[in-house]
Amino acid sequence: KKYTNQRITLIDLAGTVIYDSSID
């Protein structure tokens, strides 16, 4: 995230959001 301005989201196969760079 430190090197990009894009929003990064990690989602598991069940659809649960593990990480979202715009939502803390």
mmCIF file of all heavy atoms, coordinates in Angstrom:
data_MODEL
# 
_entry.id   MODEL 
# 
loop_
_atom_site.group_PDB 
_atom_site.id 
_atom_site.type_symbol 
_atom_site.label_atom_id 
_atom_site.label_alt_id 
_atom_site.label_comp_id 
_atom_site.label_asym_id 
_atom_site.label_entity_id 
_atom_site.label_seq_id 
_atom_site.pdbx_PDB_ins_code 
_atom_site.Cartn_x 
_atom_site.Cartn_y 
_atom_site.Cartn_z 
_atom_site.occupancy 
_atom_site.B_iso_or_equiv 
_atom_site.pdbx_formal_charge 
_atom_site.auth_seq_id 
_atom_site.auth_comp_id 
_atom_site.auth_asym_id 
_atom_site.auth_atom_id 
_atom_site.pdbx_PDB_model_num 
ATOM 1   N N   . LYS A 1 1  ? 0.822   -1.205  0.000  1.00 0.00 ? 1  LYS A N   1 
ATOM 2   C CA  . LYS A 1 1  ? 0.000   0.000   0.000  1.00 0.00 ? 1  LYS A CA  1 
ATOM 3   C C   . LYS A 1 1  ? 0.856   1.254   0.000  1.00 0.00 ? 1  LYS A C   1 
ATOM 4   O O   . LYS A 1 1  ? 0.464   2.299   -0.542 1.00 0.00 ? 1  LYS A O   1 
ATOM 5   C CB  . LYS A 1 1  ? -0.923  -0.054  1.236  1.00 0.00 ? 1  LYS A CB  1 
ATOM 6   C CG  . LYS A 1 1  ? -1.758  1.205   1.449  1.00 0.00 ? 1  LYS A CG  1 
ATOM 7   C CD  . LYS A 1 1  ? -2.679  1.474   0.262  1.00 0.00 ? 1  LYS A CD  1 
ATOM 8   C CE  . LYS A 1 1  ? -3.502  2.747   0.462  1.00 0.00 ? 1  LYS A CE  1 
ATOM 9   N NZ  . LYS A 1 1  ? -4.237  3.135   -0.716 1.00 0.00 ? 1  LYS A NZ  1 
ATOM 10  N N   . LYS A 1 2  ? 2.025   1.138   0.595  1.00 0.00 ? 2  LYS A N   1 
ATOM 11  C CA  . LYS A 1 2  ? 2.890   2.313   0.640  1.00 0.00 ? 2  LYS A CA  1 
ATOM 12  C C   . LYS A 1 2  ? 3.356   2.742   -0.748 1.00 0.00 ? 2  LYS A C   1 
ATOM 13  O O   . LYS A 1 2  ? 3.767   3.886   -0.939 1.00 0.00 ? 2  LYS A O   1 
ATOM 14  C CB  . LYS A 1 2  ? 4.118   2.003   1.513  1.00 0.00 ? 2  LYS A CB  1 
ATOM 15  C CG  . LYS A 1 2  ? 3.772   1.746   2.979  1.00 0.00 ? 2  LYS A CG  1 
ATOM 16  C CD  . LYS A 1 2  ? 5.031   1.399   3.761  1.00 0.00 ? 2  LYS A CD  1 
ATOM 17  C CE  . LYS A 1 2  ? 4.706   1.105   5.247  1.00 0.00 ? 2  LYS A CE  1 
ATOM 18  N NZ  . LYS A 1 2  ? 5.929   0.777   6.025  1.00 0.00 ? 2  LYS A NZ  1 
ATOM 19  N N   . TYR A 1 3  ? 3.309   1.840   -1.707 1.00 0.00 ? 3  TYR A N   1 
ATOM 20  C CA  . TYR A 1 3  ? 3.822   2.129   -3.044 1.00 0.00 ? 3  TYR A CA  1 
ATOM 21  C C   . TYR A 1 3  ? 2.738   2.342   -4.097 1.00 0.00 ? 3  TYR A C   1 
ATOM 22  O O   . TYR A 1 3  ? 3.055   2.467   -5.290 1.00 0.00 ? 3  TYR A O   1 
ATOM 23  C CB  . TYR A 1 3  ? 4.758   0.999   -3.495 1.00 0.00 ? 3  TYR A CB  1 
ATOM 24  C CG  . TYR A 1 3  ? 5.900   0.752   -2.519 1.00 0.00 ? 3  TYR A CG  1 
ATOM 25  C CD1 . TYR A 1 3  ? 5.872   -0.341  -1.637 1.00 0.00 ? 3  TYR A CD1 1 
ATOM 26  C CD2 . TYR A 1 3  ? 6.992   1.618   -2.476 1.00 0.00 ? 3  TYR A CD2 1 
ATOM 27  C CE1 . TYR A 1 3  ? 6.912   -0.554  -0.732 1.00 0.00 ? 3  TYR A CE1 1 
ATOM 28  C CE2 . TYR A 1 3  ? 8.025   1.392   -1.557 1.00 0.00 ? 3  TYR A CE2 1 
ATOM 29  C CZ  . TYR A 1 3  ? 7.977   0.319   -0.702 1.00 0.00 ? 3  TYR A CZ  1 
ATOM 30  O OH  . TYR A 1 3  ? 8.997   0.117   0.191  1.00 0.00 ? 3  TYR A OH  1 
ATOM 31  N N   . THR A 1 4  ? 1.514   2.311   -3.724 1.00 0.00 ? 4  THR A N   1 
ATOM 32  C CA  . THR A 1 4  ? 0.424   2.496   -4.693 1.00 0.00 ? 4  THR A CA  1 
ATOM 33  C C   . THR A 1 4  ? -0.701  3.297   -4.073 1.00 0.00 ? 4  THR A C   1 
ATOM 34  O O   . THR A 1 4  ? -0.900  3.260   -2.847 1.00 0.00 ? 4  THR A O   1 
ATOM 35  C CB  . THR A 1 4  ? -0.115  1.132   -5.185 1.00 0.00 ? 4  THR A CB  1 
ATOM 36  O OG1 . THR A 1 4  ? -1.154  1.393   -6.148 1.00 0.00 ? 4  THR A OG1 1 
ATOM 37  C CG2 . THR A 1 4  ? -0.688  0.315   -4.044 1.00 0.00 ? 4  THR A CG2 1 
ATOM 38  N N   . ASN A 1 5  ? -1.400  4.005   -4.904 1.00 0.00 ? 5  ASN A N   1 
ATOM 39  C CA  . ASN A 1 5  ? -2.553  4.800   -4.448 1.00 0.00 ? 5  ASN A CA  1 
ATOM 40  C C   . ASN A 1 5  ? -3.867  4.044   -4.600 1.00 0.00 ? 5  ASN A C   1 
ATOM 41  O O   . ASN A 1 5  ? -4.933  4.598   -4.298 1.00 0.00 ? 5  ASN A O   1 
ATOM 42  C CB  . ASN A 1 5  ? -2.636  6.104   -5.244 1.00 0.00 ? 5  ASN A CB  1 
ATOM 43  C CG  . ASN A 1 5  ? -1.465  7.038   -4.963 1.00 0.00 ? 5  ASN A CG  1 
ATOM 44  O OD1 . ASN A 1 5  ? -0.962  7.078   -3.832 1.00 0.00 ? 5  ASN A OD1 1 
ATOM 45  N ND2 . ASN A 1 5  ? -1.029  7.769   -5.983 1.00 0.00 ? 5  ASN A ND2 1 
ATOM 46  N N   . GLN A 1 6  ? -3.786  2.849   -5.120 1.00 0.00 ? 6  GLN A N   1 
ATOM 47  C CA  . GLN A 1 6  ? -5.003  2.105   -5.356 1.00 0.00 ? 6  GLN A CA  1 
ATOM 48  C C   . GLN A 1 6  ? -5.505  1.470   -4.060 1.00 0.00 ? 6  GLN A C   1 
ATOM 49  O O   . GLN A 1 6  ? -4.750  1.180   -3.138 1.00 0.00 ? 6  GLN A O   1 
ATOM 50  C CB  . GLN A 1 6  ? -4.749  1.007   -6.414 1.00 0.00 ? 6  GLN A CB  1 
ATOM 51  C CG  . GLN A 1 6  ? -4.024  1.501   -7.649 1.00 0.00 ? 6  GLN A CG  1 
ATOM 52  C CD  . GLN A 1 6  ? -4.733  2.657   -8.330 1.00 0.00 ? 6  GLN A CD  1 
ATOM 53  O OE1 . GLN A 1 6  ? -5.938  2.795   -8.202 1.00 0.00 ? 6  GLN A OE1 1 
ATOM 54  N NE2 . GLN A 1 6  ? -3.969  3.490   -9.022 1.00 0.00 ? 6  GLN A NE2 1 
ATOM 55  N N   . ARG A 1 7  ? -6.832  1.258   -4.001 1.00 0.00 ? 7  ARG A N   1 
ATOM 56  C CA  . ARG A 1 7  ? -7.462  0.583   -2.865 1.00 0.00 ? 7  ARG A CA  1 
ATOM 57  C C   . ARG A 1 7  ? -7.221  -0.932  -3.008 1.00 0.00 ? 7  ARG A C   1 
ATOM 58  O O   . ARG A 1 7  ? -7.566  -1.509  -4.020 1.00 0.00 ? 7  ARG A O   1 
ATOM 59  C CB  . ARG A 1 7  ? -8.948  0.895   -2.841 1.00 0.00 ? 7  ARG A CB  1 
ATOM 60  C CG  . ARG A 1 7  ? -9.693  0.211   -1.692 1.00 0.00 ? 7  ARG A CG  1 
ATOM 61  C CD  . ARG A 1 7  ? -11.176 0.546   -1.776 1.00 0.00 ? 7  ARG A CD  1 
ATOM 62  N NE  . ARG A 1 7  ? -11.943 -0.145  -0.765 1.00 0.00 ? 7  ARG A NE  1 
ATOM 63  C CZ  . ARG A 1 7  ? -13.265 -0.072  -0.627 1.00 0.00 ? 7  ARG A CZ  1 
ATOM 64  N NH1 . ARG A 1 7  ? -13.967 0.699   -1.503 1.00 0.00 ? 7  ARG A NH1 1 
ATOM 65  N NH2 . ARG A 1 7  ? -13.901 -0.726  0.313  1.00 0.00 ? 7  ARG A NH2 1 
ATOM 66  N N   . ILE A 1 8  ? -6.658  -1.512  -1.946 1.00 0.00 ? 8  ILE A N   1 
ATOM 67  C CA  . ILE A 1 8  ? -6.332  -2.955  -1.963 1.00 0.00 ? 8  ILE A CA  1 
ATOM 68  C C   . ILE A 1 8  ? -7.256  -3.664  -0.980 1.00 0.00 ? 8  ILE A C   1 
ATOM 69  O O   . ILE A 1 8  ? -7.412  -3.216  0.167  1.00 0.00 ? 8  ILE A O   1 
ATOM 70  C CB  . ILE A 1 8  ? -4.863  -3.205  -1.568 1.00 0.00 ? 8  ILE A CB  1 
ATOM 71  C CG1 . ILE A 1 8  ? -3.941  -2.457  -2.542 1.00 0.00 ? 8  ILE A CG1 1 
ATOM 72  C CG2 . ILE A 1 8  ? -4.546  -4.687  -1.527 1.00 0.00 ? 8  ILE A CG2 1 
ATOM 73  C CD1 . ILE A 1 8  ? -2.488  -2.524  -2.158 1.00 0.00 ? 8  ILE A CD1 1 
ATOM 74  N N   . THR A 1 9  ? -7.857  -4.727  -1.479 1.00 0.00 ? 9  THR A N   1 
ATOM 75  C CA  . THR A 1 9  ? -8.753  -5.528  -0.621 1.00 0.00 ? 9  THR A CA  1 
ATOM 76  C C   . THR A 1 9  ? -8.360  -7.009  -0.750 1.00 0.00 ? 9  THR A C   1 
ATOM 77  O O   . THR A 1 9  ? -8.151  -7.497  -1.868 1.00 0.00 ? 9  THR A O   1 
ATOM 78  C CB  . THR A 1 9  ? -10.221 -5.349  -1.044 1.00 0.00 ? 9  THR A CB  1 
ATOM 79  O OG1 . THR A 1 9  ? -10.531 -3.945  -1.042 1.00 0.00 ? 9  THR A OG1 1 
ATOM 80  C CG2 . THR A 1 9  ? -11.152 -6.092  -0.092 1.00 0.00 ? 9  THR A CG2 1 
ATOM 81  N N   . LEU A 1 10 ? -8.291  -7.713  0.438  1.00 0.00 ? 10 LEU A N   1 
ATOM 82  C CA  . LEU A 1 10 ? -8.038  -9.158  0.446  1.00 0.00 ? 10 LEU A CA  1 
ATOM 83  C C   . LEU A 1 10 ? -9.311  -9.856  0.888  1.00 0.00 ? 10 LEU A C   1 
ATOM 84  O O   . LEU A 1 10 ? -9.906  -9.489  1.921  1.00 0.00 ? 10 LEU A O   1 
ATOM 85  C CB  . LEU A 1 10 ? -6.891  -9.495  1.398  1.00 0.00 ? 10 LEU A CB  1 
ATOM 86  C CG  . LEU A 1 10 ? -5.507  -8.932  1.031  1.00 0.00 ? 10 LEU A CG  1 
ATOM 87  C CD1 . LEU A 1 10 ? -4.491  -9.293  2.105  1.00 0.00 ? 10 LEU A CD1 1 
ATOM 88  C CD2 . LEU A 1 10 ? -5.061  -9.456  -0.322 1.00 0.00 ? 10 LEU A CD2 1 
ATOM 89  N N   . ILE A 1 11 ? -9.764  -10.818 0.101  1.00 0.00 ? 11 ILE A N   1 
ATOM 90  C CA  . ILE A 1 11 ? -11.021 -11.533 0.360  1.00 0.00 ? 11 ILE A CA  1 
ATOM 91  C C   . ILE A 1 11 ? -10.717 -13.029 0.325  1.00 0.00 ? 11 ILE A C   1 
ATOM 92  O O   . ILE A 1 11 ? -10.027 -13.511 -0.579 1.00 0.00 ? 11 ILE A O   1 
ATOM 93  C CB  . ILE A 1 11 ? -12.081 -11.187 -0.695 1.00 0.00 ? 11 ILE A CB  1 
ATOM 94  C CG1 . ILE A 1 11 ? -12.267 -9.653  -0.789 1.00 0.00 ? 11 ILE A CG1 1 
ATOM 95  C CG2 . ILE A 1 11 ? -13.405 -11.865 -0.392 1.00 0.00 ? 11 ILE A CG2 1 
ATOM 96  C CD1 . ILE A 1 11 ? -13.084 -9.209  -1.979 1.00 0.00 ? 11 ILE A CD1 1 
ATOM 97  N N   . ASP A 1 12 ? -11.280 -13.730 1.350  1.00 0.00 ? 12 ASP A N   1 
ATOM 98  C CA  . ASP A 1 12 ? -11.085 -15.183 1.303  1.00 0.00 ? 12 ASP A CA  1 
ATOM 99  C C   . ASP A 1 12 ? -12.131 -15.806 0.409  1.00 0.00 ? 12 ASP A C   1 
ATOM 100 O O   . ASP A 1 12 ? -13.011 -15.111 -0.105 1.00 0.00 ? 12 ASP A O   1 
ATOM 101 C CB  . ASP A 1 12 ? -11.119 -15.777 2.727  1.00 0.00 ? 12 ASP A CB  1 
ATOM 102 C CG  . ASP A 1 12 ? -12.473 -15.560 3.408  1.00 0.00 ? 12 ASP A CG  1 
ATOM 103 O OD1 . ASP A 1 12 ? -13.453 -15.212 2.674  1.00 0.00 ? 12 ASP A OD1 1 
ATOM 104 O OD2 . ASP A 1 12 ? -12.570 -15.693 4.624  1.00 0.00 ? 12 ASP A OD2 1 
ATOM 105 N N   . LEU A 1 13 ? -12.044 -17.106 0.226  1.00 0.00 ? 13 LEU A N   1 
ATOM 106 C CA  . LEU A 1 13 ? -12.946 -17.783 -0.709 1.00 0.00 ? 13 LEU A CA  1 
ATOM 107 C C   . LEU A 1 13 ? -14.381 -17.818 -0.212 1.00 0.00 ? 13 LEU A C   1 
ATOM 108 O O   . LEU A 1 13 ? -15.299 -18.067 -0.993 1.00 0.00 ? 13 LEU A O   1 
ATOM 109 C CB  . LEU A 1 13 ? -12.445 -19.216 -0.972 1.00 0.00 ? 13 LEU A CB  1 
ATOM 110 C CG  . LEU A 1 13 ? -11.064 -19.313 -1.642 1.00 0.00 ? 13 LEU A CG  1 
ATOM 111 C CD1 . LEU A 1 13 ? -10.677 -20.783 -1.845 1.00 0.00 ? 13 LEU A CD1 1 
ATOM 112 C CD2 . LEU A 1 13 ? -11.050 -18.574 -2.957 1.00 0.00 ? 13 LEU A CD2 1 
ATOM 113 N N   . ALA A 1 14 ? -14.575 -17.558 1.074  1.00 0.00 ? 14 ALA A N   1 
ATOM 114 C CA  . ALA A 1 14 ? -15.939 -17.522 1.600  1.00 0.00 ? 14 ALA A CA  1 
ATOM 115 C C   . ALA A 1 14 ? -16.570 -16.161 1.399  1.00 0.00 ? 14 ALA A C   1 
ATOM 116 O O   . ALA A 1 14 ? -17.741 -15.949 1.719  1.00 0.00 ? 14 ALA A O   1 
ATOM 117 C CB  . ALA A 1 14 ? -15.930 -17.878 3.087  1.00 0.00 ? 14 ALA A CB  1 
ATOM 118 N N   . GLY A 1 15 ? -15.804 -15.173 0.928  1.00 0.00 ? 15 GLY A N   1 
ATOM 119 C CA  . GLY A 1 15 ? -16.330 -13.835 0.672  1.00 0.00 ? 15 GLY A CA  1 
ATOM 120 C C   . GLY A 1 15 ? -16.062 -12.888 1.802  1.00 0.00 ? 15 GLY A C   1 
ATOM 121 O O   . GLY A 1 15 ? -16.491 -11.726 1.759  1.00 0.00 ? 15 GLY A O   1 
ATOM 122 N N   . THR A 1 16 ? -15.331 -13.327 2.839  1.00 0.00 ? 16 THR A N   1 
ATOM 123 C CA  . THR A 1 16 ? -15.054 -12.462 3.980  1.00 0.00 ? 16 THR A CA  1 
ATOM 124 C C   . THR A 1 16 ? -13.889 -11.564 3.635  1.00 0.00 ? 16 THR A C   1 
ATOM 125 O O   . THR A 1 16 ? -12.877 -12.015 3.094  1.00 0.00 ? 16 THR A O   1 
ATOM 126 C CB  . THR A 1 16 ? -14.735 -13.308 5.221  1.00 0.00 ? 16 THR A CB  1 
ATOM 127 O OG1 . THR A 1 16 ? -15.848 -14.166 5.480  1.00 0.00 ? 16 THR A OG1 1 
ATOM 128 C CG2 . THR A 1 16 ? -14.500 -12.417 6.417  1.00 0.00 ? 16 THR A CG2 1 
ATOM 129 N N   . VAL A 1 17 ? -14.042 -10.260 3.963  1.00 0.00 ? 17 VAL A N   1 
ATOM 130 C CA  . VAL A 1 17 ? -12.986 -9.281  3.698  1.00 0.00 ? 17 VAL A CA  1 
ATOM 131 C C   . VAL A 1 17 ? -11.952 -9.409  4.800  1.00 0.00 ? 17 VAL A C   1 
ATOM 132 O O   . VAL A 1 17 ? -12.257 -9.161  5.980  1.00 0.00 ? 17 VAL A O   1 
ATOM 133 C CB  . VAL A 1 17 ? -13.545 -7.852  3.633  1.00 0.00 ? 17 VAL A CB  1 
ATOM 134 C CG1 . VAL A 1 17 ? -12.410 -6.847  3.440  1.00 0.00 ? 17 VAL A CG1 1 
ATOM 135 C CG2 . VAL A 1 17 ? -14.568 -7.718  2.517  1.00 0.00 ? 17 VAL A CG2 1 
ATOM 136 N N   . ILE A 1 18 ? -10.744 -9.832  4.470  1.00 0.00 ? 18 ILE A N   1 
ATOM 137 C CA  . ILE A 1 18 ? -9.655  -9.977  5.413  1.00 0.00 ? 18 ILE A CA  1 
ATOM 138 C C   . ILE A 1 18 ? -8.986  -8.635  5.651  1.00 0.00 ? 18 ILE A C   1 
ATOM 139 O O   . ILE A 1 18 ? -8.629  -8.300  6.788  1.00 0.00 ? 18 ILE A O   1 
ATOM 140 C CB  . ILE A 1 18 ? -8.629  -11.026 4.912  1.00 0.00 ? 18 ILE A CB  1 
ATOM 141 C CG1 . ILE A 1 18 ? -9.310  -12.363 4.602  1.00 0.00 ? 18 ILE A CG1 1 
ATOM 142 C CG2 . ILE A 1 18 ? -7.513  -11.221 5.937  1.00 0.00 ? 18 ILE A CG2 1 
ATOM 143 C CD1 . ILE A 1 18 ? -10.038 -12.977 5.788  1.00 0.00 ? 18 ILE A CD1 1 
ATOM 144 N N   . TYR A 1 19 ? -8.860  -7.816  4.510  1.00 0.00 ? 19 TYR A N   1 
ATOM 145 C CA  . TYR A 1 19 ? -8.168  -6.544  4.647  1.00 0.00 ? 19 TYR A CA  1 
ATOM 146 C C   . TYR A 1 19 ? -8.698  -5.603  3.565  1.00 0.00 ? 19 TYR A C   1 
ATOM 147 O O   . TYR A 1 19 ? -8.929  -5.995  2.416  1.00 0.00 ? 19 TYR A O   1 
ATOM 148 C CB  . TYR A 1 19 ? -6.645  -6.743  4.486  1.00 0.00 ? 19 TYR A CB  1 
ATOM 149 C CG  . TYR A 1 19 ? -5.883  -5.449  4.359  1.00 0.00 ? 19 TYR A CG  1 
ATOM 150 C CD1 . TYR A 1 19 ? -5.632  -4.641  5.482  1.00 0.00 ? 19 TYR A CD1 1 
ATOM 151 C CD2 . TYR A 1 19 ? -5.426  -5.021  3.103  1.00 0.00 ? 19 TYR A CD2 1 
ATOM 152 C CE1 . TYR A 1 19 ? -4.931  -3.453  5.353  1.00 0.00 ? 19 TYR A CE1 1 
ATOM 153 C CE2 . TYR A 1 19 ? -4.720  -3.841  2.983  1.00 0.00 ? 19 TYR A CE2 1 
ATOM 154 C CZ  . TYR A 1 19 ? -4.483  -3.047  4.113  1.00 0.00 ? 19 TYR A CZ  1 
ATOM 155 O OH  . TYR A 1 19 ? -3.791  -1.860  3.971  1.00 0.00 ? 19 TYR A OH  1 
ATOM 156 N N   . ASP A 1 20 ? -8.872  -4.340  3.959  1.00 0.00 ? 20 ASP A N   1 
ATOM 157 C CA  . ASP A 1 20 ? -9.272  -3.300  2.998  1.00 0.00 ? 20 ASP A CA  1 
ATOM 158 C C   . ASP A 1 20 ? -8.495  -2.052  3.355  1.00 0.00 ? 20 ASP A C   1 
ATOM 159 O O   . ASP A 1 20 ? -8.601  -1.551  4.483  1.00 0.00 ? 20 ASP A O   1 
ATOM 160 C CB  . ASP A 1 20 ? -10.772 -3.023  3.051  1.00 0.00 ? 20 ASP A CB  1 
ATOM 161 C CG  . ASP A 1 20 ? -11.223 -2.192  1.862  1.00 0.00 ? 20 ASP A CG  1 
ATOM 162 O OD1 . ASP A 1 20 ? -10.712 -1.045  1.658  1.00 0.00 ? 20 ASP A OD1 1 
ATOM 163 O OD2 . ASP A 1 20 ? -12.103 -2.633  1.078  1.00 0.00 ? 20 ASP A OD2 1 
ATOM 164 N N   . SER A 1 21 ? -7.690  -1.543  2.393  1.00 0.00 ? 21 SER A N   1 
ATOM 165 C CA  . SER A 1 21 ? -6.797  -0.424  2.693  1.00 0.00 ? 21 SER A CA  1 
ATOM 166 C C   . SER A 1 21 ? -7.558  0.886   2.921  1.00 0.00 ? 21 SER A C   1 
ATOM 167 O O   . SER A 1 21 ? -7.015  1.826   3.497  1.00 0.00 ? 21 SER A O   1 
ATOM 168 C CB  . SER A 1 21 ? -5.803  -0.224  1.536  1.00 0.00 ? 21 SER A CB  1 
ATOM 169 O OG  . SER A 1 21 ? -6.488  0.066   0.333  1.00 0.00 ? 21 SER A OG  1 
ATOM 170 N N   . SER A 1 22 ? -8.805  0.967   2.511  1.00 0.00 ? 22 SER A N   1 
ATOM 171 C CA  . SER A 1 22 ? -9.571  2.202   2.689  1.00 0.00 ? 22 SER A CA  1 
ATOM 172 C C   . SER A 1 22 ? -10.460 2.168   3.910  1.00 0.00 ? 22 SER A C   1 
ATOM 173 O O   . SER A 1 22 ? -10.976 3.212   4.335  1.00 0.00 ? 22 SER A O   1 
ATOM 174 C CB  . SER A 1 22 ? -10.440 2.460   1.452  1.00 0.00 ? 22 SER A CB  1 
ATOM 175 O OG  . SER A 1 22 ? -9.639  2.637   0.303  1.00 0.00 ? 22 SER A OG  1 
ATOM 176 N N   . ILE A 1 23 ? -10.704 0.967   4.507  1.00 0.00 ? 23 ILE A N   1 
ATOM 177 C CA  . ILE A 1 23 ? -11.587 0.834   5.658  1.00 0.00 ? 23 ILE A CA  1 
ATOM 178 C C   . ILE A 1 23 ? -10.783 0.201   6.787  1.00 0.00 ? 23 ILE A C   1 
ATOM 179 O O   . ILE A 1 23 ? -10.287 -0.906  6.635  1.00 0.00 ? 23 ILE A O   1 
ATOM 180 C CB  . ILE A 1 23 ? -12.805 -0.050  5.330  1.00 0.00 ? 23 ILE A CB  1 
ATOM 181 C CG1 . ILE A 1 23 ? -13.549 0.492   4.078  1.00 0.00 ? 23 ILE A CG1 1 
ATOM 182 C CG2 . ILE A 1 23 ? -13.763 -0.093  6.516  1.00 0.00 ? 23 ILE A CG2 1 
ATOM 183 C CD1 . ILE A 1 23 ? -14.092 1.884   4.253  1.00 0.00 ? 23 ILE A CD1 1 
ATOM 184 N N   . ASP A 1 24 ? -10.672 0.913   7.912  1.00 0.00 ? 24 ASP A N   1 
ATOM 185 C CA  . ASP A 1 24 ? -9.905  0.409   9.056  1.00 0.00 ? 24 ASP A CA  1 
ATOM 186 C C   . ASP A 1 24 ? -10.869 -0.005  10.164 1.00 0.00 ? 24 ASP A C   1 
ATOM 187 O O   . ASP A 1 24 ? -11.716 0.812   10.592 1.00 0.00 ? 24 ASP A O   1 
ATOM 188 C CB  . ASP A 1 24 ? -8.947  1.483   9.584  1.00 0.00 ? 24 ASP A CB  1 
ATOM 189 C CG  . ASP A 1 24 ? -7.861  1.811   8.561  1.00 0.00 ? 24 ASP A CG  1 
ATOM 190 O OD1 . ASP A 1 24 ? -7.526  0.928   7.758  1.00 0.00 ? 24 ASP A OD1 1 
ATOM 191 O OD2 . ASP A 1 24 ? -7.399  2.983   8.549  1.00 0.00 ? 24 ASP A OD2 1 
# 
